[in-house]
Amino acid sequence: MKLESKKVVVQKPAQELCAFLTDVKNFETLMPENISKFEVLSDSSFVFALKGMPEIGLEIKEVDAPNKLVLGAISDKIPFQLTANIRAVSDTTSEAELVFEGDFNPMMAMMIKGPITKFIATLSENMAAL
């Protein structure tokens, strides 16, 4: 399953946006309002939970500064990646898009498609507001 957010313009240079996203504690500011838990586990990992959803642990898997940051699930139970693709627009702005990719059975994919689509849309909208 592959889901993409709309591309958003962020009022930060690409390098600065990539550095912001590489600091995992900053993801708390991007989370939806219905977050019930956010905890930094290490310099490269964090766990969060939204109301009514299980906890999800993410860790940085790859950084290709300033163009790409890949977060992956800490647990192998639900294998997925969340990739932030960043493109410089000017010296002071960049464009970002989030891509969610996961390997789920059809039933699970049907259940999580709506919530995940809404989640990555919220992350990207909050990124645009930085």
Protein backbone atom coordinates (compact mmCIF):
# COMPACT_ATOMS: atom_id res chain seq x y z
CA MET A 1 0.00 0.00 0.00
CA LYS A 2 1.36 3.40 -0.95
CA LEU A 3 -0.21 6.70 0.13
CA GLU A 4 1.08 10.18 -0.69
CA SER A 5 0.29 13.50 0.93
CA LYS A 6 -0.17 16.58 -1.17
CA LYS A 7 2.98 18.60 -1.72
CA VAL A 8 3.22 21.57 0.63
CA VAL A 9 5.43 24.65 0.58
CA VAL A 10 7.40 25.18 3.77
CA GLN A 11 8.91 28.55 4.64
CA LYS A 12 12.29 27.01 5.44
CA PRO A 13 15.25 26.18 3.21
CA ALA A 14 15.49 22.47 2.33
CA GLN A 15 18.58 21.96 4.53
CA GLU A 16 16.84 23.55 7.53
CA LEU A 17 13.66 21.51 7.02
CA CYS A 18 15.65 18.29 6.74
CA ALA A 19 17.55 19.15 9.94
CA PHE A 20 14.22 19.91 11.69
CA LEU A 21 12.80 16.52 10.69
CA THR A 22 16.01 14.67 11.58
CA ASP A 23 15.58 15.88 15.19
CA VAL A 24 12.85 13.38 16.16
CA LYS A 25 11.54 15.43 19.10
CA ASN A 26 10.26 17.98 16.53
CA PHE A 27 7.69 15.46 15.27
CA GLU A 28 5.62 16.23 18.37
CA THR A 29 4.86 19.69 16.91
CA LEU A 30 3.66 18.06 13.66
CA MET A 31 1.31 15.55 15.29
CA PRO A 32 -2.49 15.80 15.10
CA GLU A 33 -4.47 17.26 18.00
CA ASN A 34 -5.78 13.83 19.01
CA ILE A 35 -2.34 12.61 20.08
CA SER A 36 -2.45 10.76 23.41
CA LYS A 37 1.25 9.92 23.75
CA PHE A 38 4.57 11.14 22.40
CA GLU A 39 7.85 9.91 23.79
CA VAL A 40 11.39 10.24 22.43
CA LEU A 41 13.20 6.92 22.85
CA SER A 42 16.60 7.94 21.45
CA ASP A 43 18.21 10.50 19.11
CA SER A 44 16.75 8.58 16.20
CA SER A 45 13.49 7.06 17.46
CA PHE A 46 10.18 7.93 19.09
CA VAL A 47 6.85 6.37 19.93
CA PHE A 48 3.44 7.99 19.63
CA ALA A 49 -0.21 7.08 19.96
CA LEU A 50 -3.36 8.71 18.69
CA LYS A 51 -6.59 8.32 20.65
CA GLY A 52 -8.18 4.98 19.79
CA MET A 53 -5.09 3.67 17.96
CA PRO A 54 -2.21 1.46 19.11
CA GLU A 55 1.21 2.93 19.87
CA ILE A 56 3.51 3.26 16.87
CA GLY A 57 7.29 3.36 17.19
CA LEU A 58 9.31 5.03 14.44
CA GLU A 59 13.04 5.30 13.90
CA ILE A 60 15.17 7.09 11.35
CA LYS A 61 16.26 4.55 8.72
CA GLU A 62 17.90 6.85 6.17
CA VAL A 63 18.83 10.51 5.76
CA ASP A 64 19.84 11.91 2.39
CA ALA A 65 20.18 15.56 3.40
CA PRO A 66 18.66 17.83 2.33
CA ASN A 67 16.37 15.83 0.03
CA LYS A 68 15.01 12.86 1.92
CA LEU A 69 14.32 11.42 5.36
CA VAL A 70 13.02 7.88 5.82
CA LEU A 71 11.35 6.77 9.04
CA GLY A 72 10.51 3.12 9.55
CA ALA A 73 8.52 1.10 12.03
CA ILE A 74 10.53 -0.13 14.99
CA SER A 75 8.37 -3.25 15.22
CA ASP A 76 8.32 -5.90 12.51
CA LYS A 77 4.64 -6.62 13.24
CA ILE A 78 3.49 -3.77 11.01
CA PRO A 79 6.26 -3.11 8.47
CA PHE A 80 6.04 0.34 6.91
CA GLN A 81 8.06 3.41 6.02
CA LEU A 82 7.23 7.10 6.08
CA THR A 83 9.40 9.10 3.69
CA ALA A 84 9.69 12.88 3.60
CA ASN A 85 10.75 14.03 0.14
CA ILE A 86 12.11 17.57 0.24
CA ARG A 87 12.86 19.81 -2.73
CA ALA A 88 14.38 23.28 -2.59
CA VAL A 89 12.12 25.88 -4.19
CA SER A 90 14.27 28.92 -3.37
CA ASP A 91 16.89 29.94 -0.81
CA THR A 92 14.17 30.41 1.80
CA THR A 93 11.45 27.90 0.88
CA SER A 94 11.13 24.22 0.13
CA GLU A 95 8.48 21.77 -0.96
CA ALA A 96 7.75 18.64 1.03
CA GLU A 97 5.72 15.51 0.39
CA LEU A 98 5.16 12.56 2.70
CA VAL A 99 4.94 9.05 1.29
CA PHE A 100 3.66 6.16 3.39
CA GLU A 101 4.50 2.64 2.17
CA GLY A 102 3.51 -0.53 3.95
CA ASP A 103 3.05 -4.19 3.27
CA PHE A 104 -0.39 -5.11 4.62
CA ASN A 105 -2.95 -7.76 3.90
CA PRO A 106 -6.03 -6.45 2.03
CA MET A 107 -8.25 -6.38 5.15
CA MET A 108 -5.69 -4.43 7.20
CA ALA A 109 -5.04 -2.07 4.27
CA MET A 110 -8.75 -1.31 4.00
CA MET A 111 -9.01 -0.60 7.74
CA ILE A 112 -6.00 1.71 8.00
CA LYS A 113 -6.13 3.54 4.65
CA GLY A 114 -8.46 6.31 5.89
CA PRO A 115 -6.73 7.01 9.22
CA ILE A 116 -3.23 6.89 7.67
CA THR A 117 -4.27 9.19 4.79
CA LYS A 118 -5.66 11.68 7.32
CA PHE A 119 -2.56 11.33 9.52
CA ILE A 120 -0.02 12.10 6.77
CA ALA A 121 -2.23 14.97 5.52
CA THR A 122 -2.16 16.48 9.03
CA LEU A 123 1.62 16.05 9.30
CA SER A 124 2.17 17.80 5.96
CA GLU A 125 -0.29 20.62 6.77
CA ASN A 126 1.48 21.19 10.10
CA MET A 127 4.82 21.17 8.26
CA ALA A 128 3.51 23.88 5.92
CA ALA A 129 2.64 25.99 8.98
CA LEU A 130 6.23 25.93 10.34
